[in-house]
Amino acid sequence: MAKKPPEKGNEQPTVTNRWWVELGNAEKVKAKRPPGPVGSQFFQAAHDFDQERARERLTDNNLKLLIAADLPEGGWGYVRLAETTYPGRELERVKKLLPLPSYARGLIVDCGRSLRILVTGTSIGERVLELALGETPSFDCWVHHEWVREALFDDADKALGALQRFIRDYLSPEAVARSEAIAARA
């Protein structure tokens, strides 16, 4: 049985003439979106960041500072990298808390609001200990330009106490001999 077409005055709506039905043939117009939050700029800036290159440049910078300072054995040097300086009384306190043994050389790098303490052995740059005293004190150690240890501390006093142990553990003649014996067996 064939249906007869609806009469002119009795037209039923079809899918094509309903405004809420999208048929897919309409072209979508993309509105220009505002730029993202500030964090998106960080990701743009960090897009081509090479962490390995940054690590090498940092250790090269430490080595350059240590060589340029011409440090005496068992003694401290000082270099200022910022216009503002770390409080002088605190600098003296650091030196007093960290007496250097004869096999070590130390450099205090004054960054204004923070300090970096670099300690190396008799062979300058072969072993480098770095203690950053800032908001969160941190320690890094490089042996033969290889990063071998990292530590974070709750406060500067704990970090300075640990640095005294790290100097013994990494720079003493016994520690160096032990490390070289292990490397020779490997």
N, C-alpha and C. Protein backbone atom coordinates (compact mmCIF):
# COMPACT_ATOMS: atom_id res chain seq x y z
N MET A 1 0.82 -1.18 0.00
CA MET A 1 0.00 0.00 0.00
C MET A 1 0.86 1.24 0.00
N ALA A 2 0.66 2.03 -0.87
CA ALA A 2 1.42 3.26 -1.01
C ALA A 2 0.79 4.35 -0.16
N LYS A 3 1.70 5.11 0.50
CA LYS A 3 1.19 6.23 1.28
C LYS A 3 0.96 7.39 0.35
N LYS A 4 -0.08 8.10 0.62
CA LYS A 4 -0.27 9.25 -0.24
C LYS A 4 0.39 10.46 0.37
N PRO A 5 0.94 11.29 -0.43
CA PRO A 5 1.65 12.46 0.07
C PRO A 5 0.71 13.35 0.88
N PRO A 6 1.28 13.98 1.92
CA PRO A 6 0.44 14.86 2.74
C PRO A 6 -0.08 16.03 1.92
N GLU A 7 -1.21 16.49 2.32
CA GLU A 7 -1.81 17.62 1.61
C GLU A 7 -1.07 18.89 1.99
N LYS A 8 -1.25 19.89 1.16
CA LYS A 8 -0.50 21.13 1.32
C LYS A 8 -0.69 21.73 2.70
N GLY A 9 -1.80 21.85 3.26
CA GLY A 9 -2.01 22.50 4.53
C GLY A 9 -1.67 21.61 5.70
N ASN A 10 -1.42 20.33 5.48
CA ASN A 10 -1.19 19.37 6.55
C ASN A 10 0.26 18.88 6.58
N GLU A 11 1.25 19.73 6.23
CA GLU A 11 2.66 19.31 6.13
C GLU A 11 3.25 19.00 7.49
N GLN A 12 3.90 17.86 7.61
CA GLN A 12 4.62 17.48 8.81
C GLN A 12 6.07 17.98 8.70
N PRO A 13 6.69 18.43 9.81
CA PRO A 13 8.09 18.87 9.72
C PRO A 13 8.99 17.68 9.42
N THR A 14 10.00 17.93 8.65
CA THR A 14 10.98 16.89 8.34
C THR A 14 12.29 17.22 9.05
N VAL A 15 13.23 16.27 9.06
CA VAL A 15 14.52 16.49 9.73
C VAL A 15 15.23 17.70 9.13
N THR A 16 15.09 17.93 7.87
CA THR A 16 15.83 19.01 7.22
C THR A 16 15.33 20.39 7.59
N ASN A 17 14.14 20.53 8.07
CA ASN A 17 13.69 21.88 8.40
C ASN A 17 13.58 22.11 9.91
N ARG A 18 14.21 21.24 10.71
CA ARG A 18 14.24 21.45 12.16
C ARG A 18 15.56 22.15 12.51
N TRP A 19 15.51 23.24 13.19
CA TRP A 19 16.68 24.06 13.47
C TRP A 19 17.66 23.39 14.42
N TRP A 20 17.23 22.46 15.26
CA TRP A 20 18.12 21.84 16.24
C TRP A 20 18.86 20.62 15.72
N VAL A 21 18.59 20.23 14.52
CA VAL A 21 19.26 19.08 13.94
C VAL A 21 20.41 19.57 13.07
N GLU A 22 21.62 19.09 13.39
CA GLU A 22 22.78 19.47 12.60
C GLU A 22 23.02 18.39 11.56
N LEU A 23 23.04 18.80 10.31
CA LEU A 23 23.21 17.83 9.23
C LEU A 23 24.66 17.65 8.82
N GLY A 24 25.57 18.45 9.33
CA GLY A 24 26.98 18.25 9.03
C GLY A 24 27.47 18.98 7.80
N ASN A 25 26.63 19.63 7.07
CA ASN A 25 27.10 20.33 5.88
C ASN A 25 27.40 21.80 6.16
N ALA A 26 27.11 22.24 7.36
CA ALA A 26 27.42 23.63 7.70
C ALA A 26 28.91 23.71 8.05
N GLU A 27 29.58 24.73 7.57
CA GLU A 27 31.00 24.89 7.82
C GLU A 27 31.21 25.55 9.18
N LYS A 28 32.05 24.92 10.03
CA LYS A 28 32.31 25.47 11.36
C LYS A 28 33.36 26.57 11.25
N VAL A 29 33.12 27.63 11.95
CA VAL A 29 34.04 28.75 11.97
C VAL A 29 34.77 28.70 13.30
N LYS A 30 36.12 28.63 13.23
CA LYS A 30 36.91 28.59 14.45
C LYS A 30 37.15 30.02 14.92
N ALA A 31 36.76 30.25 16.17
CA ALA A 31 36.98 31.57 16.75
C ALA A 31 38.41 31.64 17.26
N LYS A 32 38.98 32.81 17.17
CA LYS A 32 40.34 32.99 17.68
C LYS A 32 40.28 32.96 19.20
N ARG A 33 41.11 32.05 19.80
CA ARG A 33 41.11 31.89 21.24
C ARG A 33 42.15 32.80 21.87
N PRO A 34 41.87 33.28 23.06
CA PRO A 34 42.86 34.12 23.75
C PRO A 34 44.06 33.26 24.14
N PRO A 35 45.20 33.88 24.35
CA PRO A 35 46.38 33.10 24.75
C PRO A 35 46.12 32.40 26.08
N GLY A 36 46.85 31.30 26.29
CA GLY A 36 46.69 30.50 27.49
C GLY A 36 47.26 31.18 28.71
N PRO A 37 47.23 30.49 29.83
CA PRO A 37 47.75 31.08 31.07
C PRO A 37 49.27 31.27 31.00
N VAL A 38 49.78 31.92 32.00
CA VAL A 38 51.21 32.23 32.04
C VAL A 38 52.06 30.98 31.92
N GLY A 39 51.63 29.87 32.47
CA GLY A 39 52.39 28.62 32.42
C GLY A 39 52.69 28.17 31.01
N SER A 40 51.82 28.51 30.07
CA SER A 40 52.06 28.09 28.69
C SER A 40 53.30 28.78 28.13
N GLN A 41 53.59 29.99 28.61
CA GLN A 41 54.80 30.68 28.15
C GLN A 41 56.04 29.96 28.64
N PHE A 42 55.97 29.37 29.85
CA PHE A 42 57.10 28.60 30.36
C PHE A 42 57.38 27.43 29.42
N PHE A 43 56.33 26.71 29.02
CA PHE A 43 56.54 25.54 28.18
C PHE A 43 57.10 25.96 26.82
N GLN A 44 56.72 27.13 26.34
CA GLN A 44 57.31 27.61 25.09
C GLN A 44 58.79 27.90 25.30
N ALA A 45 59.13 28.53 26.42
CA ALA A 45 60.52 28.87 26.68
C ALA A 45 61.36 27.63 26.92
N ALA A 46 60.78 26.62 27.57
CA ALA A 46 61.52 25.40 27.90
C ALA A 46 61.46 24.35 26.80
N HIS A 47 60.83 24.68 25.69
CA HIS A 47 60.63 23.71 24.62
C HIS A 47 61.94 23.09 24.14
N ASP A 48 62.94 23.90 23.88
CA ASP A 48 64.22 23.39 23.36
C ASP A 48 65.29 23.27 24.44
N PHE A 49 64.89 23.25 25.71
CA PHE A 49 65.84 23.16 26.81
C PHE A 49 66.56 21.82 26.78
N ASP A 50 67.87 21.86 26.84
CA ASP A 50 68.69 20.65 26.83
C ASP A 50 69.32 20.51 28.21
N GLN A 51 68.77 19.63 29.03
CA GLN A 51 69.21 19.48 30.41
C GLN A 51 70.67 19.05 30.49
N GLU A 52 71.10 18.18 29.62
CA GLU A 52 72.48 17.70 29.65
C GLU A 52 73.45 18.85 29.36
N ARG A 53 73.11 19.69 28.39
CA ARG A 53 73.97 20.83 28.07
C ARG A 53 74.02 21.81 29.24
N ALA A 54 72.85 22.02 29.89
CA ALA A 54 72.81 22.92 31.04
C ALA A 54 73.67 22.38 32.18
N ARG A 55 73.64 21.07 32.41
CA ARG A 55 74.45 20.45 33.46
C ARG A 55 75.94 20.65 33.17
N GLU A 56 76.32 20.44 31.91
CA GLU A 56 77.72 20.61 31.54
C GLU A 56 78.17 22.05 31.72
N ARG A 57 77.31 22.98 31.33
CA ARG A 57 77.67 24.39 31.47
C ARG A 57 77.81 24.79 32.93
N LEU A 58 76.95 24.23 33.80
CA LEU A 58 77.05 24.54 35.21
C LEU A 58 78.35 24.01 35.80
N THR A 59 78.68 22.76 35.51
CA THR A 59 79.93 22.22 36.05
C THR A 59 81.12 22.93 35.43
N ASP A 60 81.04 23.33 34.17
CA ASP A 60 82.13 24.11 33.56
C ASP A 60 82.27 25.44 34.29
N ASN A 61 81.16 26.05 34.65
CA ASN A 61 81.20 27.33 35.36
C ASN A 61 81.86 27.15 36.72
N ASN A 62 81.51 26.08 37.44
CA ASN A 62 82.14 25.81 38.73
C ASN A 62 83.64 25.64 38.56
N LEU A 63 84.04 24.87 37.56
CA LEU A 63 85.47 24.64 37.32
C LEU A 63 86.19 25.94 36.97
N LYS A 64 85.58 26.75 36.14
CA LYS A 64 86.19 28.03 35.77
C LYS A 64 86.38 28.91 37.00
N LEU A 65 85.37 28.93 37.87
CA LEU A 65 85.48 29.73 39.10
C LEU A 65 86.60 29.21 39.99
N LEU A 66 86.67 27.88 40.14
CA LEU A 66 87.70 27.29 41.00
C LEU A 66 89.11 27.57 40.46
N ILE A 67 89.29 27.47 39.17
CA ILE A 67 90.62 27.71 38.58
C ILE A 67 90.99 29.19 38.68
N ALA A 68 90.04 30.06 38.38
CA ALA A 68 90.32 31.50 38.41
C ALA A 68 90.63 31.99 39.82
N ALA A 69 90.05 31.34 40.84
CA ALA A 69 90.24 31.80 42.21
C ALA A 69 91.65 31.51 42.74
N ASP A 70 92.38 30.58 42.12
CA ASP A 70 93.73 30.24 42.54
C ASP A 70 93.78 30.00 44.06
N LEU A 71 93.06 28.99 44.49
CA LEU A 71 92.85 28.70 45.90
C LEU A 71 94.07 28.04 46.54
N PRO A 72 94.38 28.42 47.77
CA PRO A 72 95.48 27.75 48.49
C PRO A 72 94.97 26.42 49.07
N GLU A 73 95.85 25.46 49.22
CA GLU A 73 95.47 24.19 49.85
C GLU A 73 95.05 24.46 51.28
N GLY A 74 93.92 23.89 51.65
CA GLY A 74 93.40 24.07 53.00
C GLY A 74 92.81 25.44 53.26
N GLY A 75 92.62 26.24 52.20
CA GLY A 75 92.14 27.61 52.39
C GLY A 75 90.89 27.94 51.58
N TRP A 76 90.34 29.08 51.90
CA TRP A 76 89.11 29.56 51.27
C TRP A 76 89.39 30.70 50.30
N GLY A 77 88.57 30.78 49.29
CA GLY A 77 88.54 31.92 48.39
C GLY A 77 87.12 32.47 48.38
N TYR A 78 86.97 33.65 47.80
CA TYR A 78 85.65 34.30 47.78
C TYR A 78 85.47 34.99 46.44
N VAL A 79 84.29 34.83 45.86
CA VAL A 79 83.96 35.56 44.64
C VAL A 79 82.51 36.04 44.76
N ARG A 80 82.29 37.27 44.32
CA ARG A 80 80.95 37.87 44.40
C ARG A 80 80.38 37.96 42.99
N LEU A 81 79.17 37.39 42.79
CA LEU A 81 78.56 37.38 41.47
C LEU A 81 77.38 38.33 41.35
N ALA A 82 76.98 38.99 42.43
CA ALA A 82 75.81 39.87 42.40
C ALA A 82 76.17 41.21 43.03
N GLU A 83 75.34 42.22 42.75
CA GLU A 83 75.58 43.54 43.34
C GLU A 83 75.37 43.50 44.85
N THR A 84 74.30 42.81 45.27
CA THR A 84 74.05 42.67 46.70
C THR A 84 74.95 41.57 47.24
N THR A 85 75.22 41.61 48.52
CA THR A 85 76.08 40.59 49.10
C THR A 85 75.38 39.87 50.25
N TYR A 86 75.81 38.66 50.45
CA TYR A 86 75.33 37.85 51.57
C TYR A 86 75.87 38.49 52.85
N PRO A 87 75.13 38.44 53.94
CA PRO A 87 75.62 39.09 55.18
C PRO A 87 77.01 38.60 55.58
N GLY A 88 77.91 39.54 55.86
CA GLY A 88 79.31 39.23 56.20
C GLY A 88 79.45 38.34 57.42
N ARG A 89 78.61 38.56 58.42
CA ARG A 89 78.67 37.74 59.63
C ARG A 89 78.37 36.28 59.31
N GLU A 90 77.42 36.04 58.38
CA GLU A 90 77.08 34.67 57.98
C GLU A 90 78.22 34.03 57.19
N LEU A 91 78.90 34.82 56.36
CA LEU A 91 80.05 34.29 55.61
C LEU A 91 81.13 33.80 56.58
N GLU A 92 81.41 34.57 57.59
CA GLU A 92 82.42 34.19 58.57
C GLU A 92 81.97 32.96 59.36
N ARG A 93 80.68 32.87 59.64
CA ARG A 93 80.15 31.71 60.36
C ARG A 93 80.32 30.44 59.53
N VAL A 94 80.10 30.54 58.21
CA VAL A 94 80.27 29.39 57.32
C VAL A 94 81.72 28.93 57.35
N LYS A 95 82.65 29.86 57.22
CA LYS A 95 84.07 29.50 57.24
C LYS A 95 84.45 28.85 58.57
N LYS A 96 83.88 29.37 59.66
CA LYS A 96 84.19 28.83 60.99
C LYS A 96 83.63 27.42 61.16
N LEU A 97 82.43 27.16 60.60
CA LEU A 97 81.81 25.84 60.71
C LEU A 97 82.45 24.82 59.78
N LEU A 98 83.16 25.29 58.76
CA LEU A 98 83.77 24.40 57.77
C LEU A 98 85.28 24.61 57.68
N PRO A 99 86.02 24.23 58.69
CA PRO A 99 87.47 24.33 58.54
C PRO A 99 87.91 23.30 57.50
N LEU A 100 88.69 23.75 56.54
CA LEU A 100 89.10 22.85 55.46
C LEU A 100 90.36 22.07 55.83
N PRO A 101 90.36 20.78 55.55
CA PRO A 101 91.60 20.00 55.76
C PRO A 101 92.62 20.39 54.69
N SER A 102 93.85 19.99 54.88
CA SER A 102 94.93 20.39 53.97
C SER A 102 94.74 19.86 52.55
N TYR A 103 93.97 18.80 52.37
CA TYR A 103 93.76 18.24 51.04
C TYR A 103 92.59 18.87 50.29
N ALA A 104 91.96 19.89 50.85
CA ALA A 104 90.80 20.50 50.20
C ALA A 104 91.02 22.00 49.98
N ARG A 105 90.30 22.52 49.01
CA ARG A 105 90.31 23.96 48.70
C ARG A 105 88.85 24.38 48.56
N GLY A 106 88.50 25.54 49.11
CA GLY A 106 87.11 25.95 49.06
C GLY A 106 86.92 27.33 48.47
N LEU A 107 85.79 27.51 47.81
CA LEU A 107 85.43 28.80 47.23
C LEU A 107 84.00 29.13 47.62
N ILE A 108 83.82 30.29 48.22
CA ILE A 108 82.48 30.76 48.55
C ILE A 108 82.04 31.69 47.43
N VAL A 109 80.96 31.31 46.78
CA VAL A 109 80.41 32.10 45.67
C VAL A 109 79.20 32.85 46.20
N ASP A 110 79.34 34.17 46.33
CA ASP A 110 78.28 35.02 46.87
C ASP A 110 77.34 35.41 45.74
N CYS A 111 76.13 34.90 45.81
CA CYS A 111 75.12 35.21 44.78
C CYS A 111 74.11 36.24 45.29
N GLY A 112 74.46 36.97 46.33
CA GLY A 112 73.57 37.99 46.88
C GLY A 112 72.68 37.43 47.98
N ARG A 113 71.59 36.84 47.59
CA ARG A 113 70.65 36.30 48.57
C ARG A 113 70.95 34.85 48.93
N SER A 114 71.88 34.23 48.25
CA SER A 114 72.25 32.84 48.52
C SER A 114 73.76 32.67 48.33
N LEU A 115 74.25 31.56 48.85
CA LEU A 115 75.67 31.22 48.71
C LEU A 115 75.79 29.88 48.01
N ARG A 116 76.85 29.74 47.23
CA ARG A 116 77.27 28.43 46.73
C ARG A 116 78.64 28.19 47.29
N ILE A 117 78.82 27.03 47.89
CA ILE A 117 80.12 26.67 48.44
C ILE A 117 80.67 25.56 47.57
N LEU A 118 81.81 25.82 46.95
CA LEU A 118 82.47 24.84 46.10
C LEU A 118 83.72 24.37 46.80
N VAL A 119 83.87 23.06 46.89
CA VAL A 119 85.06 22.49 47.52
C VAL A 119 85.63 21.46 46.55
N THR A 120 86.94 21.51 46.36
CA THR A 120 87.61 20.56 45.48
C THR A 120 88.87 20.05 46.17
N GLY A 121 89.49 19.07 45.59
CA GLY A 121 90.70 18.49 46.17
C GLY A 121 91.95 19.15 45.64
N THR A 122 93.08 18.49 45.86
CA THR A 122 94.37 19.00 45.40
C THR A 122 94.41 19.08 43.87
N SER A 123 93.86 18.08 43.20
CA SER A 123 93.72 18.17 41.74
C SER A 123 92.42 18.93 41.47
N ILE A 124 92.56 20.21 41.19
CA ILE A 124 91.39 21.08 41.07
C ILE A 124 90.45 20.60 39.98
N GLY A 125 89.20 20.41 40.36
CA GLY A 125 88.17 20.04 39.41
C GLY A 125 87.96 18.55 39.21
N GLU A 126 88.89 17.72 39.69
CA GLU A 126 88.73 16.28 39.54
C GLU A 126 87.52 15.79 40.34
N ARG A 127 87.36 16.36 41.51
CA ARG A 127 86.21 16.09 42.37
C ARG A 127 85.71 17.44 42.85
N VAL A 128 84.42 17.72 42.63
CA VAL A 128 83.85 19.00 43.02
C VAL A 128 82.60 18.75 43.86
N LEU A 129 82.60 19.36 45.04
CA LEU A 129 81.44 19.32 45.92
C LEU A 129 80.81 20.71 45.88
N GLU A 130 79.50 20.75 45.72
CA GLU A 130 78.80 22.04 45.68
C GLU A 130 77.65 22.02 46.66
N LEU A 131 77.64 22.99 47.55
CA LEU A 131 76.55 23.16 48.50
C LEU A 131 75.91 24.50 48.21
N ALA A 132 74.63 24.50 47.88
CA ALA A 132 73.89 25.73 47.62
C ALA A 132 73.08 26.06 48.87
N LEU A 133 73.39 27.18 49.49
CA LEU A 133 72.66 27.63 50.67
C LEU A 133 71.69 28.71 50.26
N GLY A 134 70.45 28.33 50.18
CA GLY A 134 69.38 29.26 49.82
C GLY A 134 68.14 28.85 50.58
N GLU A 135 67.00 29.01 49.94
CA GLU A 135 65.74 28.65 50.58
C GLU A 135 65.71 27.18 50.98
N THR A 136 66.10 26.30 50.07
CA THR A 136 66.21 24.87 50.34
C THR A 136 67.64 24.45 50.04
N PRO A 137 68.47 24.28 51.06
CA PRO A 137 69.86 23.92 50.81
C PRO A 137 69.97 22.58 50.08
N SER A 138 70.90 22.53 49.11
CA SER A 138 71.08 21.30 48.34
C SER A 138 72.57 21.05 48.11
N PHE A 139 72.89 19.78 47.91
CA PHE A 139 74.27 19.36 47.71
C PHE A 139 74.37 18.56 46.43
N ASP A 140 75.43 18.77 45.66
CA ASP A 140 75.73 17.98 44.47
C ASP A 140 77.21 17.65 44.49
N CYS A 141 77.54 16.47 43.96
CA CYS A 141 78.93 16.03 43.90
C CYS A 141 79.24 15.51 42.51
N TRP A 142 80.39 15.94 41.96
CA TRP A 142 80.87 15.46 40.66
C TRP A 142 82.24 14.82 40.86
N VAL A 143 82.41 13.64 40.32
CA VAL A 143 83.70 12.96 40.33
C VAL A 143 84.07 12.69 38.87
N HIS A 144 85.21 13.21 38.44
CA HIS A 144 85.65 13.10 37.04
C HIS A 144 84.54 13.58 36.09
N HIS A 145 83.94 14.72 36.42
CA HIS A 145 82.90 15.38 35.62
C HIS A 145 81.60 14.59 35.52
N GLU A 146 81.45 13.57 36.34
CA GLU A 146 80.21 12.79 36.40
C GLU A 146 79.48 13.14 37.68
N TRP A 147 78.21 13.45 37.56
CA TRP A 147 77.38 13.78 38.72
C TRP A 147 77.09 12.49 39.48
N VAL A 148 77.52 12.39 40.74
CA VAL A 148 77.40 11.13 41.47
C VAL A 148 76.50 11.19 42.70
N ARG A 149 76.19 12.38 43.17
CA ARG A 149 75.36 12.45 44.37
C ARG A 149 74.63 13.77 44.46
N GLU A 150 73.43 13.67 45.07
CA GLU A 150 72.59 14.84 45.32
C GLU A 150 71.93 14.65 46.67
N ALA A 151 71.73 15.73 47.41
CA ALA A 151 71.04 15.67 48.70
C ALA A 151 70.36 17.00 48.96
N LEU A 152 69.21 16.95 49.61
CA LEU A 152 68.47 18.15 50.02
C LEU A 152 68.43 18.18 51.54
N PHE A 153 68.39 19.39 52.10
CA PHE A 153 68.42 19.55 53.55
C PHE A 153 67.31 20.49 54.01
N ASP A 154 66.93 20.30 55.27
CA ASP A 154 65.88 21.14 55.86
C ASP A 154 66.37 22.54 56.19
N ASP A 155 67.62 22.65 56.61
CA ASP A 155 68.15 23.97 56.94
C ASP A 155 69.66 24.03 56.67
N ALA A 156 70.20 25.23 56.75
CA ALA A 156 71.60 25.46 56.41
C ALA A 156 72.56 24.77 57.38
N ASP A 157 72.22 24.72 58.66
CA ASP A 157 73.12 24.09 59.63
C ASP A 157 73.28 22.60 59.35
N LYS A 158 72.20 21.92 59.03
CA LYS A 158 72.29 20.49 58.70
C LYS A 158 73.11 20.30 57.42
N ALA A 159 72.92 21.20 56.46
CA ALA A 159 73.66 21.11 55.20
C ALA A 159 75.16 21.32 55.42
N LEU A 160 75.52 22.28 56.27
CA LEU A 160 76.94 22.53 56.55
C LEU A 160 77.57 21.36 57.30
N GLY A 161 76.83 20.75 58.22
CA GLY A 161 77.34 19.57 58.92
C GLY A 161 77.56 18.41 57.96
N ALA A 162 76.61 18.23 57.03
CA ALA A 162 76.74 17.15 56.05
C ALA A 162 77.91 17.43 55.10
N LEU A 163 78.14 18.69 54.74
CA LEU A 163 79.24 19.00 53.84
C LEU A 163 80.58 18.60 54.47
N GLN A 164 80.71 18.79 55.76
CA GLN A 164 81.95 18.40 56.44
C GLN A 164 82.20 16.89 56.26
N ARG A 165 81.13 16.09 56.39
CA ARG A 165 81.26 14.63 56.18
C ARG A 165 81.54 14.32 54.71
N PHE A 166 80.87 15.04 53.79
CA PHE A 166 81.08 14.78 52.36
C PHE A 166 82.52 15.11 51.94
N ILE A 167 83.10 16.13 52.54
CA ILE A 167 84.50 16.46 52.24
C ILE A 167 85.39 15.27 52.59
N ARG A 168 85.17 14.69 53.76
CA ARG A 168 85.93 13.50 54.17
C ARG A 168 85.64 12.32 53.25
N ASP A 169 84.34 12.11 52.93
CA ASP A 169 83.93 10.94 52.13
C ASP A 169 84.39 10.99 50.67
N TYR A 170 84.57 12.19 50.12
CA TYR A 170 84.91 12.30 48.69
C TYR A 170 86.30 12.85 48.41
N LEU A 171 86.87 13.62 49.34
CA LEU A 171 88.13 14.30 49.02
C LEU A 171 89.33 13.82 49.82
N SER A 172 89.12 13.11 50.89
CA SER A 172 90.27 12.67 51.70
C SER A 172 91.12 11.70 50.89
N PRO A 173 92.42 11.65 51.15
CA PRO A 173 93.29 10.72 50.41
C PRO A 173 92.81 9.27 50.51
N GLU A 174 92.29 8.89 51.66
CA GLU A 174 91.77 7.53 51.83
C GLU A 174 90.57 7.28 50.92
N ALA A 175 89.66 8.25 50.88
CA ALA A 175 88.45 8.11 50.05
C ALA A 175 88.82 8.06 48.57
N VAL A 176 89.77 8.88 48.14
CA VAL A 176 90.21 8.90 46.74
C VAL A 176 90.87 7.56 46.39
N ALA A 177 91.74 7.06 47.28
CA ALA A 177 92.41 5.77 47.02
C ALA A 177 91.39 4.64 46.95
N ARG A 178 90.42 4.64 47.87
CA ARG A 178 89.38 3.62 47.87
C ARG A 178 88.56 3.66 46.57
N SER A 179 88.22 4.85 46.15
CA SER A 179 87.44 5.04 44.92
C SER A 179 88.22 4.58 43.69
N GLU A 180 89.51 4.90 43.64
CA GLU A 180 90.33 4.48 42.49
C GLU A 180 90.54 2.98 42.48
N ALA A 181 90.65 2.35 43.66
CA ALA A 181 90.80 0.88 43.73
C ALA A 181 89.54 0.20 43.22
N ILE A 182 88.39 0.74 43.58
CA ILE A 182 87.12 0.18 43.10
C ILE A 182 87.01 0.34 41.59
N ALA A 183 87.39 1.51 41.08
CA ALA A 183 87.33 1.77 39.64
C ALA A 183 88.28 0.86 38.86
N ALA A 184 89.44 0.56 39.46
CA ALA A 184 90.41 -0.31 38.79
C ALA A 184 89.90 -1.75 38.68
N ARG A 185 89.13 -2.18 39.66
CA ARG A 185 88.57 -3.55 39.62
C ARG A 185 87.39 -3.66 38.68
N ALA A 186 86.76 -2.55 38.38
CA ALA A 186 85.54 -2.59 37.53
C ALA A 186 85.85 -2.79 36.07
